[in-house]
Structure formats: structure tokens, C-alpha cells
C-alpha atoms as a PDB file:
ATOM      1  CA  UNK A   1     -41.539  56.849   5.126  1.00  0.00           C
ATOM      2  CA  UNK A   2     -41.895  55.961   8.787  1.00  0.00           C
ATOM      3  CA  UNK A   3     -45.525  54.974   8.151  1.00  0.00           C
ATOM      4  CA  UNK A   4     -44.418  52.599   5.397  1.00  0.00           C
ATOM      5  CA  UNK A   5     -41.793  50.985   7.632  1.00  0.00           C
ATOM      6  CA  UNK A   6     -44.314  50.640  10.449  1.00  0.00           C
ATOM      7  CA  UNK A   7     -46.841  49.106   8.055  1.00  0.00           C
ATOM      8  CA  UNK A   8     -44.254  46.655   6.729  1.00  0.00           C
ATOM      9  CA  UNK A   9     -43.262  45.763  10.298  1.00  0.00           C
ATOM     10  CA  UNK A  10     -46.908  45.144  11.257  1.00  0.00           C
ATOM     11  CA  UNK A  11     -47.429  43.034   8.153  1.00  0.00           C
ATOM     12  CA  UNK A  12     -44.298  40.987   8.977  1.00  0.00           C
ATOM     13  CA  UNK A  13     -45.526  40.462  12.548  1.00  0.00           C
ATOM     14  CA  UNK A  14     -48.952  39.395  11.306  1.00  0.00           C
ATOM     15  CA  UNK A  15     -47.336  36.980   8.837  1.00  0.00           C
ATOM     16  CA  UNK A  16     -45.098  35.541  11.569  1.00  0.00           C
ATOM     17  CA  UNK A  17     -48.125  35.138  13.827  1.00  0.00           C
ATOM     18  CA  UNK A  18     -50.000  33.275  11.085  1.00  0.00           C
ATOM     19  CA  UNK A  19     -47.032  30.986  10.456  1.00  0.00           C
ATOM     20  CA  UNK A  20     -46.783  30.178  14.165  1.00  0.00           C
ATOM     21  CA  UNK A  21     -50.499  29.364  14.186  1.00  0.00           C
ATOM     22  CA  UNK A  22     -50.019  27.059  11.179  1.00  0.00           C
ATOM     23  CA  UNK A  23     -47.190  25.219  12.979  1.00  0.00           C
ATOM     24  CA  UNK A  24     -49.345  24.894  16.099  1.00  0.00           C
ATOM     25  CA  UNK A  25     -52.261  23.500  14.078  1.00  0.00           C
ATOM     26  CA  UNK A  26     -50.013  21.052  12.223  1.00  0.00           C
ATOM     27  CA  UNK A  27     -48.618  19.802  15.532  1.00  0.00           C
ATOM     28  CA  UNK A  28     -52.143  19.395  16.963  1.00  0.00           C
ATOM     29  CA  UNK A  29     -53.263  17.577  13.819  1.00  0.00           C
ATOM     30  CA  UNK A  30     -50.291  15.206  13.941  1.00  0.00           C
ATOM     31  CA  UNK A  31     -51.034  14.476  17.589  1.00  0.00           C
ATOM     32  CA  UNK A  32     -54.719  13.847  16.821  1.00  0.00           C
ATOM     33  CA  UNK A  33     -53.805  11.465  13.990  1.00  0.00           C
ATOM     34  CA  UNK A  34     -51.496   9.578  16.346  1.00  0.00           C
ATOM     35  CA  UNK A  35     -54.258   9.292  18.953  1.00  0.00           C
ATOM     36  CA  UNK A  36     -56.652   8.085  16.247  1.00  0.00           C
ATOM     37  CA  UNK A  37     -54.173   5.385  15.156  1.00  0.00           C
ATOM     38  CA  UNK A  38     -53.740   4.251  18.758  1.00  0.00           C
ATOM     39  CA  UNK A  39     -57.521   4.064  19.198  1.00  0.00           C
ATOM     40  CA  UNK A  40     -57.944   2.093  15.970  1.00  0.00           C
ATOM     41  CA  UNK A  41     -55.283  -0.382  17.100  1.00  0.00           C
ATOM     42  CA  UNK A  42     -56.966  -0.684  20.499  1.00  0.00           C
ATOM     43  CA  UNK A  43     -60.346  -1.241  18.810  1.00  0.00           C
ATOM     44  CA  UNK A  44     -58.871  -3.973  16.639  1.00  0.00           C
ATOM     45  CA  UNK A  45     -57.397  -5.679  19.694  1.00  0.00           C
ATOM     46  CA  UNK A  46     -60.762  -5.474  21.468  1.00  0.00           C
ATOM     47  CA  UNK A  47     -62.580  -6.975  18.469  1.00  0.00           C
ATOM     48  CA  UNK A  48     -60.147  -9.905  18.555  1.00  0.00           C
ATOM     49  CA  UNK A  49     -60.631 -10.247  22.320  1.00  0.00           C
ATOM     50  CA  UNK A  50     -64.432 -10.300  21.978  1.00  0.00           C
ATOM     51  CA  UNK A  51     -64.180 -12.976  19.288  1.00  0.00           C
ATOM     52  CA  UNK A  52     -61.930 -15.036  21.561  1.00  0.00           C
ATOM     53  CA  UNK A  53     -64.275 -14.653  24.529  1.00  0.00           C
ATOM     54  CA  UNK A  54     -67.337 -15.629  22.443  1.00  0.00           C
ATOM     55  CA  UNK A  55     -65.709 -18.733  20.968  1.00  0.00           C
ATOM     56  CA  UNK A  56     -68.226 -21.578  21.415  1.00  0.00           C
ATOM     57  CA  UNK A  57     -65.495 -24.114  22.261  1.00  0.00           C
ATOM     58  CA  UNK A  58     -64.205 -21.877  25.039  1.00  0.00           C
ATOM     59  CA  UNK A  59     -67.709 -21.304  26.389  1.00  0.00           C
ATOM     60  CA  UNK A  60     -68.482 -25.038  26.243  1.00  0.00           C
ATOM     61  CA  UNK A  61     -65.301 -25.811  28.187  1.00  0.00           C
ATOM     62  CA  UNK A  62     -66.084 -23.208  30.869  1.00  0.00           C
ATOM     63  CA  UNK A  63     -69.671 -24.460  31.179  1.00  0.00           C
ATOM     64  CA  UNK A  64     -68.429 -28.032  31.593  1.00  0.00           C
ATOM     65  CA  UNK A  65     -65.924 -26.921  34.264  1.00  0.00           C
ATOM     66  CA  UNK A  66     -68.705 -25.172  36.178  1.00  0.00           C
ATOM     67  CA  UNK A  67     -71.025 -28.148  36.067  1.00  0.00           C
ATOM     68  CA  UNK A  68     -73.468 -27.013  33.406  1.00  0.00           C
ATOM     69  CA  UNK A  69     -74.920 -29.674  31.151  1.00  0.00           C
ATOM     70  CA  UNK A  70     -77.273 -29.879  28.221  1.00  0.00           C
ATOM     71  CA  UNK A  71     -80.978 -29.758  29.145  1.00  0.00           C
ATOM     72  CA  UNK A  72     -82.856 -33.053  29.305  1.00  0.00           C
ATOM     73  CA  UNK A  73     -85.943 -31.481  27.781  1.00  0.00           C
ATOM     74  CA  UNK A  74     -87.061 -28.148  26.425  1.00  0.00           C
ATOM     75  CA  UNK A  75     -90.419 -26.677  27.312  1.00  0.00           C
ATOM     76  CA  UNK A  76     -92.020 -24.511  24.642  1.00  0.00           C
ATOM     77  CA  UNK A  77     -94.004 -21.599  26.051  1.00  0.00           C
ATOM     78  CA  UNK A  78     -96.662 -19.956  23.961  1.00  0.00           C
ATOM     79  CA  UNK A  79     -96.594 -16.201  23.772  1.00  0.00           C
ATOM     80  CA  UNK A  80     -99.648 -14.686  25.413  1.00  0.00           C
ATOM     81  CA  UNK A  81    -100.828 -11.117  25.524  1.00  0.00           C
ATOM     82  CA  UNK A  82    -100.586  -9.440  28.932  1.00  0.00           C
ATOM     83  CA  UNK A  83    -103.891  -9.226  30.781  1.00  0.00           C
ATOM     84  CA  UNK A  84    -105.762  -6.064  29.886  1.00  0.00           C
ATOM     85  CA  UNK A  85    -106.899  -3.551  32.458  1.00  0.00           C
ATOM     86  CA  UNK A  86    -110.544  -4.138  33.362  1.00  0.00           C
ATOM     87  CA  UNK A  87    -112.855  -1.459  32.049  1.00  0.00           C
ATOM     88  CA  UNK A  88    -115.211   0.032  34.622  1.00  0.00           C
ATOM     89  CA  UNK A  89    -118.913  -0.076  33.861  1.00  0.00           C
ATOM     90  CA  UNK A  90    -120.666   3.212  33.243  1.00  0.00           C
ATOM     91  CA  UNK A  91    -120.963   5.177  36.453  1.00  0.00           C
ATOM     92  CA  UNK A  92    -118.466   2.968  38.363  1.00  0.00           C
ATOM     93  CA  UNK A  93    -115.064   4.055  39.509  1.00  0.00           C
ATOM     94  CA  UNK A  94    -112.119   1.804  38.712  1.00  0.00           C
END
């Protein structure tokens, strides 16, 4: 009889412990979802800010204010391979 009561009491304590853990996990999950929403909103705001900063009209205006102007001519450079390392002749040290 006492063993059955003790077993029931232990089972009730284990069940209560599991329920508390579930509440704790739900709270942590809700907090994580809130943080995720805040980060997504922040990301959206940053995407808009980047688009604003890259706007060609804005950049043109800033360049004009700082004295930049369009180039008078453009020089085309041909791509060349970098010079290779000279190979030492047989018996020579590099």
C-alpha cells in the first residue's frame, strides 16, 4: 500500500517536472520566434537602406558635389599574362 502511494507520488512528481519543462521550452520557443521576427524586420530595413545608398541618382549627386566628373577618354588595357619565372639551365642554380 505504502509502495503504491510512493510510486504514484513519484509518477506525479515526474509528470509535474515534465510539464514544467514543456512550459519552459514553449517560453524559449516564443522568445526565439520573437527574436527571429525582429531580425527579419531589421534585415528588411537594411535591404531598403542598401538600395537607397546604391541609387545611381544619389551617387551621381554626391560625385558632383565632390567634384568628380565624367572621364574625357577611356583607355582600354589588354589583359596580359604575368611574367613567368625564368627556368634555370641544366646545372645552374636559380
